[in-house]
Amino acid sequence: AALVRKFDGFRRKRNRVSYDAPVAVSE
């Protein structure tokens, strides 16, 4: 479940990066 939660957090970040206003992604 922890891996799934982490992956889903990255999904949300990716959606913001792709579809919303530019969002910074850290190294």
PDB file of all heavy atoms in Angstrom:
ATOM      1  N   ALA A   1       0.822  -1.215   0.000  1.00  0.00           N
ATOM      2  CA  ALA A   1       0.000   0.000   0.000  1.00  0.00           C
ATOM      3  C   ALA A   1       0.854   1.263   0.000  1.00  0.00           C
ATOM      4  O   ALA A   1       0.481   2.270  -0.615  1.00  0.00           O
ATOM      5  CB  ALA A   1      -0.949  -0.010   1.186  1.00  0.00           C
ATOM      6  N   ALA A   2       2.004   1.238   0.652  1.00  0.00           N
ATOM      7  CA  ALA A   2       2.871   2.424   0.689  1.00  0.00           C
ATOM      8  C   ALA A   2       3.389   2.758  -0.705  1.00  0.00           C
ATOM      9  O   ALA A   2       3.437   3.930  -1.094  1.00  0.00           O
ATOM     10  CB  ALA A   2       4.034   2.198   1.651  1.00  0.00           C
ATOM     11  N   LEU A   3       3.754   1.742  -1.476  1.00  0.00           N
ATOM     12  CA  LEU A   3       4.216   1.968  -2.846  1.00  0.00           C
ATOM     13  C   LEU A   3       3.089   2.541  -3.698  1.00  0.00           C
ATOM     14  O   LEU A   3       3.305   3.473  -4.473  1.00  0.00           O
ATOM     15  CB  LEU A   3       4.749   0.672  -3.460  1.00  0.00           C
ATOM     16  CG  LEU A   3       5.283   0.859  -4.865  1.00  0.00           C
ATOM     17  CD1 LEU A   3       6.803   0.857  -4.857  1.00  0.00           C
ATOM     18  CD2 LEU A   3       4.786  -0.239  -5.765  1.00  0.00           C
ATOM     19  N   VAL A   4       1.891   2.002  -3.534  1.00  0.00           N
ATOM     20  CA  VAL A   4       0.734   2.495  -4.287  1.00  0.00           C
ATOM     21  C   VAL A   4       0.479   3.962  -3.955  1.00  0.00           C
ATOM     22  O   VAL A   4       0.251   4.784  -4.859  1.00  0.00           O
ATOM     23  CB  VAL A   4      -0.516   1.630  -4.024  1.00  0.00           C
ATOM     24  CG1 VAL A   4      -1.747   2.225  -4.689  1.00  0.00           C
ATOM     25  CG2 VAL A   4      -0.286   0.192  -4.495  1.00  0.00           C
ATOM     26  N   ARG A   5       0.524   4.316  -2.683  1.00  0.00           N
ATOM     27  CA  ARG A   5       0.304   5.723  -2.283  1.00  0.00           C
ATOM     28  C   ARG A   5       1.365   6.647  -2.879  1.00  0.00           C
ATOM     29  O   ARG A   5       1.056   7.735  -3.364  1.00  0.00           O
ATOM     30  CB  ARG A   5       0.293   5.855  -0.760  1.00  0.00           C
ATOM     31  CG  ARG A   5      -1.016   5.440  -0.113  1.00  0.00           C
ATOM     32  CD  ARG A   5      -1.070   5.831   1.358  1.00  0.00           C
ATOM     33  NE  ARG A   5       0.032   5.294   2.149  1.00  0.00           N
ATOM     34  CZ  ARG A   5       0.066   4.077   2.663  1.00  0.00           C
ATOM     35  NH1 ARG A   5      -0.950   3.252   2.506  1.00  0.00           N
ATOM     36  NH2 ARG A   5       1.109   3.663   3.374  1.00  0.00           N
ATOM     37  N   LYS A   6       2.602   6.214  -2.823  1.00  0.00           N
ATOM     38  CA  LYS A   6       3.692   7.024  -3.377  1.00  0.00           C
ATOM     39  C   LYS A   6       3.506   7.207  -4.882  1.00  0.00           C
ATOM     40  O   LYS A   6       3.633   8.320  -5.409  1.00  0.00           O
ATOM     41  CB  LYS A   6       5.037   6.361  -3.076  1.00  0.00           C
ATOM     42  CG  LYS A   6       6.221   7.199  -3.466  1.00  0.00           C
ATOM     43  CD  LYS A   6       7.498   6.580  -2.925  1.00  0.00           C
ATOM     44  CE  LYS A   6       8.608   7.613  -2.986  1.00  0.00           C
ATOM     45  NZ  LYS A   6       9.759   7.225  -2.232  1.00  0.00           N
ATOM     46  N   PHE A   7       3.204   6.130  -5.581  1.00  0.00           N
ATOM     47  CA  PHE A   7       2.982   6.166  -7.027  1.00  0.00           C
ATOM     48  C   PHE A   7       1.813   7.098  -7.340  1.00  0.00           C
ATOM     49  O   PHE A   7       1.880   7.920  -8.258  1.00  0.00           O
ATOM     50  CB  PHE A   7       2.735   4.744  -7.522  1.00  0.00           C
ATOM     51  CG  PHE A   7       2.742   4.533  -9.013  1.00  0.00           C
ATOM     52  CD1 PHE A   7       2.552   3.256  -9.506  1.00  0.00           C
ATOM     53  CD2 PHE A   7       2.935   5.554  -9.925  1.00  0.00           C
ATOM     54  CE1 PHE A   7       2.554   2.994 -10.866  1.00  0.00           C
ATOM     55  CE2 PHE A   7       2.941   5.307 -11.302  1.00  0.00           C
ATOM     56  CZ  PHE A   7       2.740   4.021 -11.768  1.00  0.00           C
ATOM     57  N   ASP A   8       0.744   7.011  -6.569  1.00  0.00           N
ATOM     58  CA  ASP A   8      -0.411   7.869  -6.813  1.00  0.00           C
ATOM     59  C   ASP A   8      -0.076   9.338  -6.562  1.00  0.00           C
ATOM     60  O   ASP A   8      -0.573  10.223  -7.263  1.00  0.00           O
ATOM     61  CB  ASP A   8      -1.608   7.439  -5.967  1.00  0.00           C
ATOM     62  CG  ASP A   8      -2.884   8.091  -6.458  1.00  0.00           C
ATOM     63  OD1 ASP A   8      -3.205   7.956  -7.669  1.00  0.00           O
ATOM     64  OD2 ASP A   8      -3.552   8.765  -5.652  1.00  0.00           O
ATOM     65  N   GLY A   9       0.779   9.609  -5.606  1.00  0.00           N
ATOM     66  CA  GLY A   9       1.237  10.988  -5.397  1.00  0.00           C
ATOM     67  C   GLY A   9       1.984  11.505  -6.613  1.00  0.00           C
ATOM     68  O   GLY A   9       1.816  12.666  -7.016  1.00  0.00           O
ATOM     69  N   PHE A  10       2.797  10.651  -7.215  1.00  0.00           N
ATOM     70  CA  PHE A  10       3.492  11.041  -8.441  1.00  0.00           C
ATOM     71  C   PHE A  10       2.503  11.249  -9.592  1.00  0.00           C
ATOM     72  O   PHE A  10       2.704  12.114 -10.443  1.00  0.00           O
ATOM     73  CB  PHE A  10       4.545   9.999  -8.822  1.00  0.00           C
ATOM     74  CG  PHE A  10       5.742   9.998  -7.925  1.00  0.00           C
ATOM     75  CD1 PHE A  10       6.214   8.803  -7.399  1.00  0.00           C
ATOM     76  CD2 PHE A  10       6.418  11.166  -7.607  1.00  0.00           C
ATOM     77  CE1 PHE A  10       7.334   8.778  -6.580  1.00  0.00           C
ATOM     78  CE2 PHE A  10       7.532  11.161  -6.781  1.00  0.00           C
ATOM     79  CZ  PHE A  10       7.995   9.958  -6.264  1.00  0.00           C
ATOM     80  N   ARG A  11       1.424  10.470  -9.612  1.00  0.00           N
ATOM     81  CA  ARG A  11       0.388  10.662 -10.636  1.00  0.00           C
ATOM     82  C   ARG A  11      -0.212  12.061 -10.512  1.00  0.00           C
ATOM     83  O   ARG A  11      -0.386  12.774 -11.513  1.00  0.00           O
ATOM     84  CB  ARG A  11      -0.725   9.609 -10.501  1.00  0.00           C
ATOM     85  CG  ARG A  11      -1.884   9.819 -11.495  1.00  0.00           C
ATOM     86  CD  ARG A  11      -3.068   8.913 -11.185  1.00  0.00           C
ATOM     87  NE  ARG A  11      -3.658   9.163  -9.887  1.00  0.00           N
ATOM     88  CZ  ARG A  11      -4.525  10.146  -9.628  1.00  0.00           C
ATOM     89  NH1 ARG A  11      -4.910  10.982 -10.572  1.00  0.00           N
ATOM     90  NH2 ARG A  11      -5.027  10.279  -8.410  1.00  0.00           N
ATOM     91  N   ARG A  12      -0.514  12.456  -9.287  1.00  0.00           N
ATOM     92  CA  ARG A  12      -1.084  13.792  -9.071  1.00  0.00           C
ATOM     93  C   ARG A  12      -0.108  14.879  -9.495  1.00  0.00           C
ATOM     94  O   ARG A  12      -0.496  15.864 -10.132  1.00  0.00           O
ATOM     95  CB  ARG A  12      -1.483  13.960  -7.612  1.00  0.00           C
ATOM     96  CG  ARG A  12      -2.707  13.172  -7.239  1.00  0.00           C
ATOM     97  CD  ARG A  12      -3.204  13.559  -5.836  1.00  0.00           C
ATOM     98  NE  ARG A  12      -4.008  12.492  -5.326  1.00  0.00           N
ATOM     99  CZ  ARG A  12      -3.625  11.618  -4.402  1.00  0.00           C
ATOM    100  NH1 ARG A  12      -2.449  11.727  -3.832  1.00  0.00           N
ATOM    101  NH2 ARG A  12      -4.423  10.659  -4.007  1.00  0.00           N
ATOM    102  N   LYS A  13       1.151  14.707  -9.163  1.00  0.00           N
ATOM    103  CA  LYS A  13       2.182  15.675  -9.550  1.00  0.00           C
ATOM    104  C   LYS A  13       2.284  15.730 -11.073  1.00  0.00           C
ATOM    105  O   LYS A  13       2.329  16.803 -11.669  1.00  0.00           O
ATOM    106  CB  LYS A  13       3.520  15.282  -8.918  1.00  0.00           C
ATOM    107  CG  LYS A  13       4.663  16.196  -9.258  1.00  0.00           C
ATOM    108  CD  LYS A  13       4.596  17.457  -8.438  1.00  0.00           C
ATOM    109  CE  LYS A  13       5.887  18.227  -8.518  1.00  0.00           C
ATOM    110  NZ  LYS A  13       6.020  19.173  -7.430  1.00  0.00           N
ATOM    111  N   ARG A  14       2.293  14.588 -11.709  1.00  0.00           N
ATOM    112  CA  ARG A  14       2.380  14.521 -13.168  1.00  0.00           C
ATOM    113  C   ARG A  14       1.188  15.223 -13.821  1.00  0.00           C
ATOM    114  O   ARG A  14       1.335  15.931 -14.806  1.00  0.00           O
ATOM    115  CB  ARG A  14       2.467  13.066 -13.611  1.00  0.00           C
ATOM    116  CG  ARG A  14       2.547  12.887 -15.111  1.00  0.00           C
ATOM    117  CD  ARG A  14       1.231  12.341 -15.562  1.00  0.00           C
ATOM    118  NE  ARG A  14       1.188  12.170 -16.995  1.00  0.00           N
ATOM    119  CZ  ARG A  14       0.057  12.128 -17.655  1.00  0.00           C
ATOM    120  NH1 ARG A  14      -1.088  12.255 -17.031  1.00  0.00           N
ATOM    121  NH2 ARG A  14       0.048  11.969 -18.938  1.00  0.00           N
ATOM    122  N   ASN A  15      -0.002  15.060 -13.247  1.00  0.00           N
ATOM    123  CA  ASN A  15      -1.175  15.746 -13.795  1.00  0.00           C
ATOM    124  C   ASN A  15      -1.015  17.256 -13.706  1.00  0.00           C
ATOM    125  O   ASN A  15      -1.362  17.978 -14.645  1.00  0.00           O
ATOM    126  CB  ASN A  15      -2.446  15.301 -13.081  1.00  0.00           C
ATOM    127  CG  ASN A  15      -2.900  13.929 -13.490  1.00  0.00           C
ATOM    128  OD1 ASN A  15      -2.378  13.330 -14.431  1.00  0.00           O
ATOM    129  ND2 ASN A  15      -3.860  13.381 -12.767  1.00  0.00           N
ATOM    130  N   ARG A  16      -0.499  17.734 -12.584  1.00  0.00           N
ATOM    131  CA  ARG A  16      -0.289  19.179 -12.439  1.00  0.00           C
ATOM    132  C   ARG A  16       0.758  19.675 -13.435  1.00  0.00           C
ATOM    133  O   ARG A  16       0.589  20.715 -14.055  1.00  0.00           O
ATOM    134  CB  ARG A  16       0.102  19.531 -11.007  1.00  0.00           C
ATOM    135  CG  ARG A  16      -1.055  19.389 -10.021  1.00  0.00           C
ATOM    136  CD  ARG A  16      -0.751  19.983  -8.655  1.00  0.00           C
ATOM    137  NE  ARG A  16       0.459  19.500  -8.023  1.00  0.00           N
ATOM    138  CZ  ARG A  16       0.568  18.394  -7.289  1.00  0.00           C
ATOM    139  NH1 ARG A  16      -0.494  17.636  -7.079  1.00  0.00           N
ATOM    140  NH2 ARG A  16       1.713  18.047  -6.740  1.00  0.00           N
ATOM    141  N   VAL A  17       1.835  18.907 -13.597  1.00  0.00           N
ATOM    142  CA  VAL A  17       2.898  19.284 -14.528  1.00  0.00           C
ATOM    143  C   VAL A  17       2.371  19.282 -15.963  1.00  0.00           C
ATOM    144  O   VAL A  17       2.700  20.161 -16.756  1.00  0.00           O
ATOM    145  CB  VAL A  17       4.109  18.329 -14.395  1.00  0.00           C
ATOM    146  CG1 VAL A  17       5.109  18.520 -15.527  1.00  0.00           C
ATOM    147  CG2 VAL A  17       4.783  18.512 -13.043  1.00  0.00           C
ATOM    148  N   SER A  18       1.528  18.319 -16.296  1.00  0.00           N
ATOM    149  CA  SER A  18       1.054  18.155 -17.671  1.00  0.00           C
ATOM    150  C   SER A  18      -0.125  19.033 -18.045  1.00  0.00           C
ATOM    151  O   SER A  18      -0.221  19.486 -19.187  1.00  0.00           O
ATOM    152  CB  SER A  18       0.648  16.696 -17.905  1.00  0.00           C
ATOM    153  OG  SER A  18       1.744  15.847 -17.742  1.00  0.00           O
ATOM    154  N   TYR A  19      -1.047  19.246 -17.118  1.00  0.00           N
ATOM    155  CA  TYR A  19      -2.318  19.850 -17.491  1.00  0.00           C
ATOM    156  C   TYR A  19      -2.612  21.189 -16.827  1.00  0.00           C
ATOM    157  O   TYR A  19      -3.434  21.945 -17.320  1.00  0.00           O
ATOM    158  CB  TYR A  19      -3.476  18.894 -17.160  1.00  0.00           C
ATOM    159  CG  TYR A  19      -3.333  17.545 -17.810  1.00  0.00           C
ATOM    160  CD1 TYR A  19      -3.243  16.392 -17.049  1.00  0.00           C
ATOM    161  CD2 TYR A  19      -3.268  17.428 -19.188  1.00  0.00           C
ATOM    162  CE1 TYR A  19      -3.118  15.144 -17.644  1.00  0.00           C
ATOM    163  CE2 TYR A  19      -3.131  16.190 -19.795  1.00  0.00           C
ATOM    164  CZ  TYR A  19      -3.056  15.063 -19.021  1.00  0.00           C
ATOM    165  OH  TYR A  19      -2.920  13.840 -19.600  1.00  0.00           O
ATOM    166  N   ASP A  20      -2.009  21.465 -15.699  1.00  0.00           N
ATOM    167  CA  ASP A  20      -2.294  22.699 -14.983  1.00  0.00           C
ATOM    168  C   ASP A  20      -1.182  23.707 -15.240  1.00  0.00           C
ATOM    169  O   ASP A  20      -0.346  23.514 -16.110  1.00  0.00           O
ATOM    170  CB  ASP A  20      -2.417  22.426 -13.477  1.00  0.00           C
ATOM    171  CG  ASP A  20      -3.598  21.529 -13.148  1.00  0.00           C
ATOM    172  OD1 ASP A  20      -4.552  21.478 -13.950  1.00  0.00           O
ATOM    173  OD2 ASP A  20      -3.565  20.873 -12.096  1.00  0.00           O
ATOM    174  N   ALA A  21      -1.181  24.734 -14.457  1.00  0.00           N
ATOM    175  CA  ALA A  21      -0.105  25.710 -14.532  1.00  0.00           C
ATOM    176  C   ALA A  21       1.214  25.002 -14.225  1.00  0.00           C
ATOM    177  O   ALA A  21       1.239  24.027 -13.479  1.00  0.00           O
ATOM    178  CB  ALA A  21      -0.353  26.826 -13.530  1.00  0.00           C
ATOM    179  N   PRO A  22       2.297  25.494 -14.792  1.00  0.00           N
ATOM    180  CA  PRO A  22       3.585  24.838 -14.542  1.00  0.00           C
ATOM    181  C   PRO A  22       3.864  24.677 -13.050  1.00  0.00           C
ATOM    182  O   PRO A  22       3.649  25.589 -12.260  1.00  0.00           O
ATOM    183  CB  PRO A  22       4.596  25.789 -15.180  1.00  0.00           C
ATOM    184  CG  PRO A  22       3.810  26.551 -16.196  1.00  0.00           C
ATOM    185  CD  PRO A  22       2.422  26.658 -15.642  1.00  0.00           C
ATOM    186  N   VAL A  23       4.297  23.495 -12.704  1.00  0.00           N
ATOM    187  CA  VAL A  23       4.628  23.160 -11.324  1.00  0.00           C
ATOM    188  C   VAL A  23       6.056  22.642 -11.334  1.00  0.00           C
ATOM    189  O   VAL A  23       6.427  21.822 -12.178  1.00  0.00           O
ATOM    190  CB  VAL A  23       3.671  22.060 -10.783  1.00  0.00           C
ATOM    191  CG1 VAL A  23       4.091  21.617  -9.411  1.00  0.00           C
ATOM    192  CG2 VAL A  23       2.243  22.547 -10.793  1.00  0.00           C
ATOM    193  N   ALA A  24       6.847  23.109 -10.433  1.00  0.00           N
ATOM    194  CA  ALA A  24       8.239  22.678 -10.378  1.00  0.00           C
ATOM    195  C   ALA A  24       8.340  21.220  -9.928  1.00  0.00           C
ATOM    196  O   ALA A  24       7.601  20.780  -9.046  1.00  0.00           O
ATOM    197  CB  ALA A  24       9.022  23.573  -9.428  1.00  0.00           C
ATOM    198  N   VAL A  25       9.223  20.506 -10.564  1.00  0.00           N
ATOM    199  CA  VAL A  25       9.565  19.149 -10.173  1.00  0.00           C
ATOM    200  C   VAL A  25      10.995  19.219  -9.660  1.00  0.00           C
ATOM    201  O   VAL A  25      11.879  19.766 -10.321  1.00  0.00           O
ATOM    202  CB  VAL A  25       9.478  18.180 -11.373  1.00  0.00           C
ATOM    203  CG1 VAL A  25      10.003  16.805 -11.000  1.00  0.00           C
ATOM    204  CG2 VAL A  25       8.059  18.096 -11.908  1.00  0.00           C
ATOM    205  N   SER A  26      11.222  18.674  -8.504  1.00  0.00           N
ATOM    206  CA  SER A  26      12.567  18.708  -7.929  1.00  0.00           C
ATOM    207  C   SER A  26      13.402  17.537  -8.449  1.00  0.00           C
ATOM    208  O   SER A  26      12.861  16.525  -8.917  1.00  0.00           O
ATOM    209  CB  SER A  26      12.490  18.657  -6.404  1.00  0.00           C
ATOM    210  OG  SER A  26      12.078  17.365  -5.980  1.00  0.00           O
ATOM    211  N   GLU A  27      14.703  17.689  -8.339  1.00  0.00           N
ATOM    212  CA  GLU A  27      15.613  16.592  -8.688  1.00  0.00           C
ATOM    213  C   GLU A  27      15.306  15.362  -7.828  1.00  0.00           C
ATOM    214  O   GLU A  27      15.354  14.236  -8.314  1.00  0.00           O
ATOM    215  CB  GLU A  27      17.073  17.019  -8.487  1.00  0.00           C
ATOM    216  CG  GLU A  27      17.583  18.005  -9.510  1.00  0.00           C
ATOM    217  CD  GLU A  27      17.808  17.410 -10.899  1.00  0.00           C
ATOM    218  OE1 GLU A  27      17.899  16.164 -11.034  1.00  0.00           O
ATOM    219  OE2 GLU A  27      17.882  18.200 -11.850  1.00  0.00           O
TER     220      GLU A  27
END
